[in-house]
Amino acid sequence: MSWRSEPVGEIQLRVGSDENLQRFAGHLGYTVEESARGQRLASRAIRLLTPLAKRHGLTELWITCSPENAASRRTCELAGGVLVETVDLPAESDMYARGERRKCRYRIDLRSAGALR
């Protein structure tokens, strides 16, 4: 693996536990530049953020992605997420307005021993 000095993606931790975060947006959002994909960077970043999420009092993390996004679904699974369900987005949501219709909901239990890896 060669090391880069420029950013190859970004990750956001959304602290809180309202219905929109838990059901539709998720506690974590991430992107990886196309040139850096396939290196499991997003799943590593998720695992690195779990101690910070715990310090903010979260006991679980919800990650959502589009059902047809196989790479993102695999990222959720590699990070320790368990698929709970696929939900329809409400018509009044920003994501719906952007053309998205459904989200897979993955849950990571931060109380389990594996959540610290």
PDB file of N, CA and C in Angstrom:
ATOM      1  N   MET A   1       0.852  -1.182   0.000  1.00  0.00           N
ATOM      2  CA  MET A   1       0.000   0.000   0.000  1.00  0.00           C
ATOM      3  C   MET A   1       0.891   1.236   0.000  1.00  0.00           C
ATOM      4  N   SER A   2       0.592   2.175  -0.852  1.00  0.00           N
ATOM      5  CA  SER A   2       1.331   3.432  -0.843  1.00  0.00           C
ATOM      6  C   SER A   2       0.562   4.453   0.002  1.00  0.00           C
ATOM      7  N   TRP A   3       1.293   5.291   0.687  1.00  0.00           N
ATOM      8  CA  TRP A   3       0.684   6.299   1.553  1.00  0.00           C
ATOM      9  C   TRP A   3       0.462   7.575   0.763  1.00  0.00           C
ATOM     10  N   ARG A   4      -0.638   8.222   1.034  1.00  0.00           N
ATOM     11  CA  ARG A   4      -0.991   9.469   0.367  1.00  0.00           C
ATOM     12  C   ARG A   4      -0.958  10.593   1.377  1.00  0.00           C
ATOM     13  N   SER A   5      -0.652  11.760   0.902  1.00  0.00           N
ATOM     14  CA  SER A   5      -0.677  12.920   1.787  1.00  0.00           C
ATOM     15  C   SER A   5      -1.959  13.730   1.625  1.00  0.00           C
ATOM     16  N   GLU A   6      -2.747  13.448   0.591  1.00  0.00           N
ATOM     17  CA  GLU A   6      -3.992  14.177   0.385  1.00  0.00           C
ATOM     18  C   GLU A   6      -5.167  13.339   0.896  1.00  0.00           C
ATOM     19  N   PRO A   7      -6.257  13.998   1.249  1.00  0.00           N
ATOM     20  CA  PRO A   7      -7.439  13.263   1.723  1.00  0.00           C
ATOM     21  C   PRO A   7      -7.982  12.322   0.644  1.00  0.00           C
ATOM     22  N   VAL A   8      -8.468  11.174   1.079  1.00  0.00           N
ATOM     23  CA  VAL A   8      -9.061  10.211   0.151  1.00  0.00           C
ATOM     24  C   VAL A   8     -10.523   9.942   0.484  1.00  0.00           C
ATOM     25  N   GLY A   9     -11.063  10.698   1.433  1.00  0.00           N
ATOM     26  CA  GLY A   9     -12.460  10.529   1.802  1.00  0.00           C
ATOM     27  C   GLY A   9     -12.774  11.353   3.025  1.00  0.00           C
ATOM     28  N   GLU A  10     -13.960  11.114   3.546  1.00  0.00           N
ATOM     29  CA  GLU A  10     -14.351  11.789   4.783  1.00  0.00           C
ATOM     30  C   GLU A  10     -15.371  10.932   5.514  1.00  0.00           C
ATOM     31  N   ILE A  11     -15.421  11.150   6.817  1.00  0.00           N
ATOM     32  CA  ILE A  11     -16.402  10.446   7.645  1.00  0.00           C
ATOM     33  C   ILE A  11     -16.963  11.441   8.644  1.00  0.00           C
ATOM     34  N   GLN A  12     -18.240  11.300   8.939  1.00  0.00           N
ATOM     35  CA  GLN A  12     -18.921  12.190   9.882  1.00  0.00           C
ATOM     36  C   GLN A  12     -19.586  11.351  10.955  1.00  0.00           C
ATOM     37  N   LEU A  13     -19.391  11.744  12.197  1.00  0.00           N
ATOM     38  CA  LEU A  13     -20.107  11.147  13.321  1.00  0.00           C
ATOM     39  C   LEU A  13     -21.202  12.123  13.714  1.00  0.00           C
ATOM     40  N   ARG A  14     -22.438  11.676  13.623  1.00  0.00           N
ATOM     41  CA  ARG A  14     -23.586  12.505  13.986  1.00  0.00           C
ATOM     42  C   ARG A  14     -24.049  12.059  15.363  1.00  0.00           C
ATOM     43  N   VAL A  15     -23.811  12.890  16.351  1.00  0.00           N
ATOM     44  CA  VAL A  15     -24.142  12.542  17.730  1.00  0.00           C
ATOM     45  C   VAL A  15     -25.591  12.919  18.001  1.00  0.00           C
ATOM     46  N   GLY A  16     -26.331  12.011  18.571  1.00  0.00           N
ATOM     47  CA  GLY A  16     -27.737  12.220  18.889  1.00  0.00           C
ATOM     48  C   GLY A  16     -28.493  10.929  18.674  1.00  0.00           C
ATOM     49  N   SER A  17     -29.758  10.944  18.977  1.00  0.00           N
ATOM     50  CA  SER A  17     -30.541   9.721  18.821  1.00  0.00           C
ATOM     51  C   SER A  17     -31.983  10.007  18.440  1.00  0.00           C
ATOM     52  N   ASP A  18     -32.177  10.941  17.520  1.00  0.00           N
ATOM     53  CA  ASP A  18     -33.550  11.189  17.091  1.00  0.00           C
ATOM     54  C   ASP A  18     -33.950  10.177  16.012  1.00  0.00           C
ATOM     55  N   GLU A  19     -35.215  10.166  15.667  1.00  0.00           N
ATOM     56  CA  GLU A  19     -35.732   9.176  14.723  1.00  0.00           C
ATOM     57  C   GLU A  19     -35.072   9.288  13.343  1.00  0.00           C
ATOM     58  N   ASN A  20     -34.819  10.512  12.890  1.00  0.00           N
ATOM     59  CA  ASN A  20     -34.198  10.679  11.578  1.00  0.00           C
ATOM     60  C   ASN A  20     -32.804  10.036  11.542  1.00  0.00           C
ATOM     61  N   LEU A  21     -32.003  10.237  12.582  1.00  0.00           N
ATOM     62  CA  LEU A  21     -30.671   9.620  12.633  1.00  0.00           C
ATOM     63  C   LEU A  21     -30.773   8.102  12.690  1.00  0.00           C
ATOM     64  N   GLN A  22     -31.613   7.601  13.555  1.00  0.00           N
ATOM     65  CA  GLN A  22     -31.689   6.160  13.750  1.00  0.00           C
ATOM     66  C   GLN A  22     -32.315   5.423  12.561  1.00  0.00           C
ATOM     67  N   ARG A  23     -33.287   6.027  11.909  1.00  0.00           N
ATOM     68  CA  ARG A  23     -34.003   5.299  10.850  1.00  0.00           C
ATOM     69  C   ARG A  23     -33.535   5.616   9.437  1.00  0.00           C
ATOM     70  N   PHE A  24     -33.078   6.846   9.193  1.00  0.00           N
ATOM     71  CA  PHE A  24     -32.836   7.242   7.810  1.00  0.00           C
ATOM     72  C   PHE A  24     -31.410   7.742   7.537  1.00  0.00           C
ATOM     73  N   ALA A  25     -30.909   8.694   8.294  1.00  0.00           N
ATOM     74  CA  ALA A  25     -29.601   9.296   8.004  1.00  0.00           C
ATOM     75  C   ALA A  25     -28.438   8.478   8.566  1.00  0.00           C
ATOM     76  N   GLY A  26     -28.629   7.898   9.746  1.00  0.00           N
ATOM     77  CA  GLY A  26     -27.560   7.154  10.394  1.00  0.00           C
ATOM     78  C   GLY A  26     -26.649   8.048  11.218  1.00  0.00           C
ATOM     79  N   HIS A  27     -25.970   7.450  12.178  1.00  0.00           N
ATOM     80  CA  HIS A  27     -25.013   8.183  13.004  1.00  0.00           C
ATOM     81  C   HIS A  27     -23.713   8.460  12.258  1.00  0.00           C
ATOM     82  N   LEU A  28     -23.445   7.671  11.238  1.00  0.00           N
ATOM     83  CA  LEU A  28     -22.197   7.820  10.486  1.00  0.00           C
ATOM     84  C   LEU A  28     -22.496   8.029   9.013  1.00  0.00           C
ATOM     85  N   GLY A  29     -21.759   8.940   8.416  1.00  0.00           N
ATOM     86  CA  GLY A  29     -21.806   9.145   6.979  1.00  0.00           C
ATOM     87  C   GLY A  29     -20.381   9.154   6.467  1.00  0.00           C
ATOM     88  N   TYR A  30     -20.150   8.550   5.339  1.00  0.00           N
ATOM     89  CA  TYR A  30     -18.776   8.467   4.829  1.00  0.00           C
ATOM     90  C   TYR A  30     -18.766   8.466   3.316  1.00  0.00           C
ATOM     91  N   THR A  31     -17.649   8.910   2.771  1.00  0.00           N
ATOM     92  CA  THR A  31     -17.379   8.823   1.345  1.00  0.00           C
ATOM     93  C   THR A  31     -15.903   8.482   1.179  1.00  0.00           C
ATOM     94  N   VAL A  32     -15.593   7.767   0.116  1.00  0.00           N
ATOM     95  CA  VAL A  32     -14.211   7.445  -0.228  1.00  0.00           C
ATOM     96  C   VAL A  32     -14.032   7.787  -1.702  1.00  0.00           C
ATOM     97  N   GLU A  33     -12.953   8.512  -1.990  1.00  0.00           N
ATOM     98  CA  GLU A  33     -12.661   8.854  -3.380  1.00  0.00           C
ATOM     99  C   GLU A  33     -12.532   7.582  -4.211  1.00  0.00           C
ATOM    100  N   GLU A  34     -12.992   7.648  -5.433  1.00  0.00           N
ATOM    101  CA  GLU A  34     -12.990   6.471  -6.301  1.00  0.00           C
ATOM    102  C   GLU A  34     -11.602   5.834  -6.403  1.00  0.00           C
ATOM    103  N   SER A  35     -10.554   6.645  -6.453  1.00  0.00           N
ATOM    104  CA  SER A  35      -9.195   6.117  -6.599  1.00  0.00           C
ATOM    105  C   SER A  35      -8.710   5.348  -5.370  1.00  0.00           C
ATOM    106  N   ALA A  36      -9.393   5.520  -4.234  1.00  0.00           N
ATOM    107  CA  ALA A  36      -8.971   4.858  -2.991  1.00  0.00           C
ATOM    108  C   ALA A  36      -9.923   3.753  -2.559  1.00  0.00           C
ATOM    109  N   ARG A  37     -10.916   3.457  -3.342  1.00  0.00           N
ATOM    110  CA  ARG A  37     -11.896   2.436  -2.968  1.00  0.00           C
ATOM    111  C   ARG A  37     -11.284   1.046  -3.024  1.00  0.00           C
ATOM    112  N   GLY A  38     -11.898   0.137  -2.287  1.00  0.00           N
ATOM    113  CA  GLY A  38     -11.444  -1.248  -2.284  1.00  0.00           C
ATOM    114  C   GLY A  38     -10.366  -1.539  -1.262  1.00  0.00           C
ATOM    115  N   GLN A  39     -10.011  -0.570  -0.450  1.00  0.00           N
ATOM    116  CA  GLN A  39      -8.972  -0.748   0.563  1.00  0.00           C
ATOM    117  C   GLN A  39      -9.538  -0.848   1.981  1.00  0.00           C
ATOM    118  N   ARG A  40     -10.853  -0.890   2.086  1.00  0.00           N
ATOM    119  CA  ARG A  40     -11.557  -0.992   3.368  1.00  0.00           C
ATOM    120  C   ARG A  40     -11.307   0.206   4.287  1.00  0.00           C
ATOM    121  N   LEU A  41     -11.057   1.360   3.697  1.00  0.00           N
ATOM    122  CA  LEU A  41     -10.783   2.555   4.479  1.00  0.00           C
ATOM    123  C   LEU A  41     -11.995   3.016   5.282  1.00  0.00           C
ATOM    124  N   ALA A  42     -13.181   2.950   4.700  1.00  0.00           N
ATOM    125  CA  ALA A  42     -14.380   3.405   5.408  1.00  0.00           C
ATOM    126  C   ALA A  42     -14.675   2.513   6.609  1.00  0.00           C
ATOM    127  N   SER A  43     -14.543   1.197   6.458  1.00  0.00           N
ATOM    128  CA  SER A  43     -14.814   0.318   7.600  1.00  0.00           C
ATOM    129  C   SER A  43     -13.779   0.530   8.699  1.00  0.00           C
ATOM    130  N   ARG A  44     -12.536   0.796   8.332  1.00  0.00           N
ATOM    131  CA  ARG A  44     -11.503   1.110   9.339  1.00  0.00           C
ATOM    132  C   ARG A  44     -11.843   2.407  10.065  1.00  0.00           C
ATOM    133  N   ALA A  45     -12.272   3.412   9.298  1.00  0.00           N
ATOM    134  CA  ALA A  45     -12.617   4.700   9.897  1.00  0.00           C
ATOM    135  C   ALA A  45     -13.792   4.552  10.868  1.00  0.00           C
ATOM    136  N   ILE A  46     -14.767   3.741  10.499  1.00  0.00           N
ATOM    137  CA  ILE A  46     -15.912   3.501  11.389  1.00  0.00           C
ATOM    138  C   ILE A  46     -15.432   2.893  12.697  1.00  0.00           C
ATOM    139  N   ARG A  47     -14.598   1.883  12.609  1.00  0.00           N
ATOM    140  CA  ARG A  47     -14.073   1.239  13.818  1.00  0.00           C
ATOM    141  C   ARG A  47     -13.260   2.218  14.666  1.00  0.00           C
ATOM    142  N   LEU A  48     -12.512   3.105  14.027  1.00  0.00           N
ATOM    143  CA  LEU A  48     -11.732   4.093  14.775  1.00  0.00           C
ATOM    144  C   LEU A  48     -12.620   5.105  15.499  1.00  0.00           C
ATOM    145  N   LEU A  49     -13.809   5.353  14.975  1.00  0.00           N
ATOM    146  CA  LEU A  49     -14.724   6.319  15.590  1.00  0.00           C
ATOM    147  C   LEU A  49     -15.569   5.733  16.723  1.00  0.00           C
ATOM    148  N   THR A  50     -15.611   4.414  16.854  1.00  0.00           N
ATOM    149  CA  THR A  50     -16.487   3.834  17.877  1.00  0.00           C
ATOM    150  C   THR A  50     -16.121   4.269  19.299  1.00  0.00           C
ATOM    151  N   PRO A  51     -14.834   4.367  19.672  1.00  0.00           N
ATOM    152  CA  PRO A  51     -14.553   4.854  21.036  1.00  0.00           C
ATOM    153  C   PRO A  51     -15.042   6.292  21.252  1.00  0.00           C
ATOM    154  N   LEU A  52     -14.929   7.137  20.228  1.00  0.00           N
ATOM    155  CA  LEU A  52     -15.430   8.510  20.344  1.00  0.00           C
ATOM    156  C   LEU A  52     -16.946   8.520  20.512  1.00  0.00           C
ATOM    157  N   ALA A  53     -17.632   7.687  19.756  1.00  0.00           N
ATOM    158  CA  ALA A  53     -19.092   7.598  19.885  1.00  0.00           C
ATOM    159  C   ALA A  53     -19.474   7.155  21.298  1.00  0.00           C
ATOM    160  N   LYS A  54     -18.746   6.216  21.848  1.00  0.00           N
ATOM    161  CA  LYS A  54     -19.023   5.761  23.215  1.00  0.00           C
ATOM    162  C   LYS A  54     -18.800   6.889  24.214  1.00  0.00           C
ATOM    163  N   ARG A  55     -17.743   7.675  24.011  1.00  0.00           N
ATOM    164  CA  ARG A  55     -17.485   8.806  24.914  1.00  0.00           C
ATOM    165  C   ARG A  55     -18.605   9.843  24.849  1.00  0.00           C
ATOM    166  N   HIS A  56     -19.306   9.886  23.739  1.00  0.00           N
ATOM    167  CA  HIS A  56     -20.449  10.798  23.609  1.00  0.00           C
ATOM    168  C   HIS A  56     -21.732  10.170  24.160  1.00  0.00           C
ATOM    169  N   GLY A  57     -21.618   8.989  24.754  1.00  0.00           N
ATOM    170  CA  GLY A  57     -22.767   8.364  25.397  1.00  0.00           C
ATOM    171  C   GLY A  57     -23.603   7.465  24.498  1.00  0.00           C
ATOM    172  N   LEU A  58     -23.180   7.244  23.272  1.00  0.00           N
ATOM    173  CA  LEU A  58     -23.944   6.359  22.391  1.00  0.00           C
ATOM    174  C   LEU A  58     -23.675   4.903  22.766  1.00  0.00           C
ATOM    175  N   THR A  59     -24.718   4.110  22.778  1.00  0.00           N
ATOM    176  CA  THR A  59     -24.581   2.676  23.053  1.00  0.00           C
ATOM    177  C   THR A  59     -24.756   1.838  21.796  1.00  0.00           C
ATOM    178  N   GLU A  60     -25.189   2.501  20.733  1.00  0.00           N
ATOM    179  CA  GLU A  60     -25.322   1.837  19.443  1.00  0.00           C
ATOM    180  C   GLU A  60     -25.130   2.878  18.352  1.00  0.00           C
ATOM    181  N   LEU A  61     -24.667   2.401  17.207  1.00  0.00           N
ATOM    182  CA  LEU A  61     -24.536   3.250  16.037  1.00  0.00           C
ATOM    183  C   LEU A  61     -25.419   2.694  14.941  1.00  0.00           C
ATOM    184  N   TRP A  62     -26.109   3.574  14.246  1.00  0.00           N
ATOM    185  CA  TRP A  62     -26.896   3.193  13.087  1.00  0.00           C
ATOM    186  C   TRP A  62     -26.203   3.744  11.854  1.00  0.00           C
ATOM    187  N   ILE A  63     -26.034   2.890  10.858  1.00  0.00           N
ATOM    188  CA  ILE A  63     -25.476   3.287   9.577  1.00  0.00           C
ATOM    189  C   ILE A  63     -26.504   2.903   8.519  1.00  0.00           C
ATOM    190  N   THR A  64     -26.774   3.810   7.603  1.00  0.00           N
ATOM    191  CA  THR A  64     -27.736   3.513   6.545  1.00  0.00           C
ATOM    192  C   THR A  64     -27.066   3.648   5.187  1.00  0.00           C
ATOM    193  N   CYS A  65     -27.588   2.917   4.235  1.00  0.00           N
ATOM    194  CA  CYS A  65     -27.102   3.013   2.852  1.00  0.00           C
ATOM    195  C   CYS A  65     -28.210   2.556   1.914  1.00  0.00           C
ATOM    196  N   SER A  66     -28.050   2.882   0.672  1.00  0.00           N
ATOM    197  CA  SER A  66     -29.020   2.467  -0.339  1.00  0.00           C
ATOM    198  C   SER A  66     -28.910   0.965  -0.564  1.00  0.00           C
ATOM    199  N   PRO A  67     -30.025   0.277  -0.709  1.00  0.00           N
ATOM    200  CA  PRO A  67     -29.996  -1.175  -0.910  1.00  0.00           C
ATOM    201  C   PRO A  67     -29.161  -1.609  -2.113  1.00  0.00           C
ATOM    202  N   GLU A  68     -29.119  -0.796  -3.144  1.00  0.00           N
ATOM    203  CA  GLU A  68     -28.365  -1.188  -4.343  1.00  0.00           C
ATOM    204  C   GLU A  68     -26.873  -0.874  -4.267  1.00  0.00           C
ATOM    205  N   ASN A  69     -26.417  -0.241  -3.190  1.00  0.00           N
ATOM    206  CA  ASN A  69     -25.004   0.103  -3.031  1.00  0.00           C
ATOM    207  C   ASN A  69     -24.278  -1.049  -2.333  1.00  0.00           C
ATOM    208  N   ALA A  70     -23.869  -2.034  -3.114  1.00  0.00           N
ATOM    209  CA  ALA A  70     -23.234  -3.239  -2.564  1.00  0.00           C
ATOM    210  C   ALA A  70     -21.951  -2.927  -1.807  1.00  0.00           C
ATOM    211  N   ALA A  71     -21.160  -1.982  -2.285  1.00  0.00           N
ATOM    212  CA  ALA A  71     -19.907  -1.645  -1.613  1.00  0.00           C
ATOM    213  C   ALA A  71     -20.165  -1.052  -0.230  1.00  0.00           C
ATOM    214  N   SER A  72     -21.150  -0.183  -0.125  1.00  0.00           N
ATOM    215  CA  SER A  72     -21.465   0.420   1.168  1.00  0.00           C
ATOM    216  C   SER A  72     -22.058  -0.613   2.122  1.00  0.00           C
ATOM    217  N   ARG A  73     -22.860  -1.506   1.590  1.00  0.00           N
ATOM    218  CA  ARG A  73     -23.414  -2.579   2.435  1.00  0.00           C
ATOM    219  C   ARG A  73     -22.281  -3.435   2.993  1.00  0.00           C
ATOM    220  N   ARG A  74     -21.298  -3.754   2.156  1.00  0.00           N
ATOM    221  CA  ARG A  74     -20.154  -4.545   2.610  1.00  0.00           C
ATOM    222  C   ARG A  74     -19.347  -3.765   3.647  1.00  0.00           C
ATOM    223  N   THR A  75     -19.207  -2.470   3.467  1.00  0.00           N
ATOM    224  CA  THR A  75     -18.520  -1.630   4.452  1.00  0.00           C
ATOM    225  C   THR A  75     -19.204  -1.730   5.807  1.00  0.00           C
ATOM    226  N   CYS A  76     -20.523  -1.627   5.821  1.00  0.00           N
ATOM    227  CA  CYS A  76     -21.275  -1.727   7.076  1.00  0.00           C
ATOM    228  C   CYS A  76     -21.013  -3.071   7.752  1.00  0.00           C
ATOM    229  N   GLU A  77     -21.020  -4.131   6.980  1.00  0.00           N
ATOM    230  CA  GLU A  77     -20.798  -5.468   7.531  1.00  0.00           C
ATOM    231  C   GLU A  77     -19.369  -5.624   8.045  1.00  0.00           C
ATOM    232  N   LEU A  78     -18.389  -5.141   7.300  1.00  0.00           N
ATOM    233  CA  LEU A  78     -16.993  -5.229   7.734  1.00  0.00           C
ATOM    234  C   LEU A  78     -16.736  -4.435   9.008  1.00  0.00           C
ATOM    235  N   ALA A  79     -17.501  -3.378   9.211  1.00  0.00           N
ATOM    236  CA  ALA A  79     -17.358  -2.551  10.407  1.00  0.00           C
ATOM    237  C   ALA A  79     -18.081  -3.150  11.612  1.00  0.00           C
ATOM    238  N   GLY A  80     -18.758  -4.270  11.416  1.00  0.00           N
ATOM    239  CA  GLY A  80     -19.457  -4.913  12.524  1.00  0.00           C
ATOM    240  C   GLY A  80     -20.942  -4.646  12.557  1.00  0.00           C
ATOM    241  N   GLY A  81     -21.466  -3.998  11.541  1.00  0.00           N
ATOM    242  CA  GLY A  81     -22.894  -3.713  11.498  1.00  0.00           C
ATOM    243  C   GLY A  81     -23.712  -4.944  11.145  1.00  0.00           C
ATOM    244  N   VAL A  82     -24.888  -5.018  11.730  1.00  0.00           N
ATOM    245  CA  VAL A  82     -25.833  -6.104  11.465  1.00  0.00           C
ATOM    246  C   VAL A  82     -27.051  -5.488  10.792  1.00  0.00           C
ATOM    247  N   LEU A  83     -27.419  -6.035   9.638  1.00  0.00           N
ATOM    248  CA  LEU A  83     -28.599  -5.531   8.928  1.00  0.00           C
ATOM    249  C   LEU A  83     -29.848  -5.812   9.755  1.00  0.00           C
ATOM    250  N   VAL A  84     -30.580  -4.748  10.059  1.00  0.00           N
ATOM    251  CA  VAL A  84     -31.806  -4.868  10.844  1.00  0.00           C
ATOM    252  C   VAL A  84     -33.024  -4.892   9.928  1.00  0.00           C
ATOM    253  N   GLU A  85     -33.047  -3.991   8.941  1.00  0.00           N
ATOM    254  CA  GLU A  85     -34.194  -3.909   8.042  1.00  0.00           C
ATOM    255  C   GLU A  85     -33.893  -2.947   6.913  1.00  0.00           C
ATOM    256  N   THR A  86     -34.761  -2.931   5.940  1.00  0.00           N
ATOM    257  CA  THR A  86     -34.748  -1.935   4.874  1.00  0.00           C
ATOM    258  C   THR A  86     -36.046  -1.154   4.985  1.00  0.00           C
ATOM    259  N   VAL A  87     -35.919   0.176   5.009  1.00  0.00           N
ATOM    260  CA  VAL A  87     -37.094   1.029   5.224  1.00  0.00           C
ATOM    261  C   VAL A  87     -37.309   1.964   4.043  1.00  0.00           C
ATOM    262  N   ASP A  88     -38.557   2.361   3.859  1.00  0.00           N
ATOM    263  CA  ASP A  88     -38.914   3.364   2.858  1.00  0.00           C
ATOM    264  C   ASP A  88     -38.655   4.748   3.442  1.00  0.00           C
ATOM    265  N   LEU A  89     -38.090   5.633   2.637  1.00  0.00           N
ATOM    266  CA  LEU A  89     -37.867   7.004   3.084  1.00  0.00           C
ATOM    267  C   LEU A  89     -39.176   7.786   3.012  1.00  0.00           C
ATOM    268  N   PRO A  90     -39.405   8.664   3.961  1.00  0.00           N
ATOM    269  CA  PRO A  90     -40.610   9.492   3.892  1.00  0.00           C
ATOM    270  C   PRO A  90     -40.495  10.495   2.743  1.00  0.00           C
ATOM    271  N   ALA A  91     -41.596  10.735   2.082  1.00  0.00           N
ATOM    272  CA  ALA A  91     -41.620  11.623   0.912  1.00  0.00           C
ATOM    273  C   ALA A  91     -41.151  13.034   1.242  1.00  0.00           C
ATOM    274  N   GLU A  92     -41.268  13.453   2.490  1.00  0.00           N
ATOM    275  CA  GLU A  92     -40.873  14.814   2.858  1.00  0.00           C
ATOM    276  C   GLU A  92     -39.381  14.937   3.213  1.00  0.00           C
ATOM    277  N   SER A  93     -38.630  13.872   3.143  1.00  0.00           N
ATOM    278  CA  SER A  93     -37.213  13.930   3.526  1.00  0.00           C
ATOM    279  C   SER A  93     -36.347  14.494   2.408  1.00  0.00           C
ATOM    280  N   ASP A  94     -35.208  15.068   2.784  1.00  0.00           N
ATOM    281  CA  ASP A  94     -34.243  15.593   1.816  1.00  0.00           C
ATOM    282  C   ASP A  94     -33.709  14.475   0.929  1.00  0.00           C
ATOM    283  N   MET A  95     -33.489  13.305   1.500  1.00  0.00           N
ATOM    284  CA  MET A  95     -32.969  12.182   0.726  1.00  0.00           C
ATOM    285  C   MET A  95     -33.962  11.757  -0.355  1.00  0.00           C
ATOM    286  N   TYR A  96     -35.239  11.759  -0.015  1.00  0.00           N
ATOM    287  CA  TYR A  96     -36.287  11.423  -0.983  1.00  0.00           C
ATOM    288  C   TYR A  96     -36.272  12.442  -2.129  1.00  0.00           C
ATOM    289  N   ALA A  97     -36.112  13.720  -1.772  1.00  0.00           N
ATOM    290  CA  ALA A  97     -36.074  14.780  -2.781  1.00  0.00           C
ATOM    291  C   ALA A  97     -34.888  14.607  -3.728  1.00  0.00           C
ATOM    292  N   ARG A  98     -33.806  13.969  -3.254  1.00  0.00           N
ATOM    293  CA  ARG A  98     -32.626  13.712  -4.096  1.00  0.00           C
ATOM    294  C   ARG A  98     -32.769  12.424  -4.910  1.00  0.00           C
ATOM    295  N   GLY A  99     -33.917  11.772  -4.799  1.00  0.00           N
ATOM    296  CA  GLY A  99     -34.163  10.579  -5.606  1.00  0.00           C
ATOM    297  C   GLY A  99     -33.999   9.257  -4.881  1.00  0.00           C
ATOM    298  N   GLU A 100     -33.584   9.293  -3.629  1.00  0.00           N
ATOM    299  CA  GLU A 100     -33.454   8.049  -2.870  1.00  0.00           C
ATOM    300  C   GLU A 100     -34.834   7.619  -2.379  1.00  0.00           C
ATOM    301  N   ARG A 101     -35.060   6.335  -2.313  1.00  0.00           N
ATOM    302  CA  ARG A 101     -36.373   5.834  -1.899  1.00  0.00           C
ATOM    303  C   ARG A 101     -36.316   4.875  -0.713  1.00  0.00           C
ATOM    304  N   ARG A 102     -35.201   4.166  -0.554  1.00  0.00           N
ATOM    305  CA  ARG A 102     -35.109   3.169   0.519  1.00  0.00           C
ATOM    306  C   ARG A 102     -33.725   3.217   1.148  1.00  0.00           C
ATOM    307  N   LYS A 103     -33.640   2.764   2.398  1.00  0.00           N
ATOM    308  CA  LYS A 103     -32.374   2.685   3.116  1.00  0.00           C
ATOM    309  C   LYS A 103     -32.294   1.357   3.859  1.00  0.00           C
ATOM    310  N   CYS A 104     -31.140   0.735   3.765  1.00  0.00           N
ATOM    311  CA  CYS A 104     -30.827  -0.415   4.622  1.00  0.00           C
ATOM    312  C   CYS A 104     -30.332   0.153   5.941  1.00  0.00           C
ATOM    313  N   ARG A 105     -30.780  -0.427   7.034  1.00  0.00           N
ATOM    314  CA  ARG A 105     -30.376   0.034   8.373  1.00  0.00           C
ATOM    315  C   ARG A 105     -29.484  -1.029   9.021  1.00  0.00           C
ATOM    316  N   TYR A 106     -28.246  -0.620   9.319  1.00  0.00           N
ATOM    317  CA  TYR A 106     -27.290  -1.484   9.997  1.00  0.00           C
ATOM    318  C   TYR A 106     -27.052  -0.946  11.398  1.00  0.00           C
ATOM    319  N   ARG A 107     -26.952  -1.859  12.357  1.00  0.00           N
ATOM    320  CA  ARG A 107     -26.750  -1.491  13.762  1.00  0.00           C
ATOM    321  C   ARG A 107     -25.431  -2.063  14.257  1.00  0.00           C
ATOM    322  N   ILE A 108     -24.658  -1.216  14.947  1.00  0.00           N
ATOM    323  CA  ILE A 108     -23.453  -1.655  15.642  1.00  0.00           C
ATOM    324  C   ILE A 108     -23.693  -1.442  17.126  1.00  0.00           C
ATOM    325  N   ASP A 109     -23.622  -2.515  17.899  1.00  0.00           N
ATOM    326  CA  ASP A 109     -23.813  -2.455  19.346  1.00  0.00           C
ATOM    327  C   ASP A 109     -22.485  -2.071  19.983  1.00  0.00           C
ATOM    328  N   LEU A 110     -22.410  -0.883  20.554  1.00  0.00           N
ATOM    329  CA  LEU A 110     -21.173  -0.401  21.164  1.00  0.00           C
ATOM    330  C   LEU A 110     -20.916  -1.000  22.539  1.00  0.00           C
ATOM    331  N   ARG A 111     -21.874  -1.755  23.054  1.00  0.00           N
ATOM    332  CA  ARG A 111     -21.680  -2.402  24.359  1.00  0.00           C
ATOM    333  C   ARG A 111     -20.951  -3.726  24.226  1.00  0.00           C
ATOM    334  N   SER A 112     -20.860  -4.259  23.001  1.00  0.00           N
ATOM    335  CA  SER A 112     -20.207  -5.558  22.809  1.00  0.00           C
ATOM    336  C   SER A 112     -18.699  -5.389  22.781  1.00  0.00           C
ATOM    337  N   ALA A 113     -17.994  -6.452  23.098  1.00  0.00           N
ATOM    338  CA  ALA A 113     -16.534  -6.423  23.142  1.00  0.00           C
ATOM    339  C   ALA A 113     -15.922  -6.067  21.793  1.00  0.00           C
ATOM    340  N   GLY A 114     -16.535  -6.516  20.696  1.00  0.00           N
ATOM    341  CA  GLY A 114     -16.007  -6.276  19.372  1.00  0.00           C
ATOM    342  C   GLY A 114     -16.111  -4.824  18.919  1.00  0.00           C
ATOM    343  N   ALA A 115     -16.857  -4.004  19.647  1.00  0.00           N
ATOM    344  CA  ALA A 115     -17.053  -2.611  19.235  1.00  0.00           C
ATOM    345  C   ALA A 115     -15.821  -1.761  19.451  1.00  0.00           C
ATOM    346  N   LEU A 116     -14.836  -2.266  20.141  1.00  0.00           N
ATOM    347  CA  LEU A 116     -13.633  -1.478  20.391  1.00  0.00           C
ATOM    348  C   LEU A 116     -12.535  -1.740  19.372  1.00  0.00           C
ATOM    349  N   ARG A 117     -12.693  -2.716  18.510  1.00  0.00           N
ATOM    350  CA  ARG A 117     -11.661  -3.029  17.517  1.00  0.00           C
ATOM    351  C   ARG A 117     -11.543  -1.953  16.484  1.00  0.00           C
TER     352      ARG A 117
END
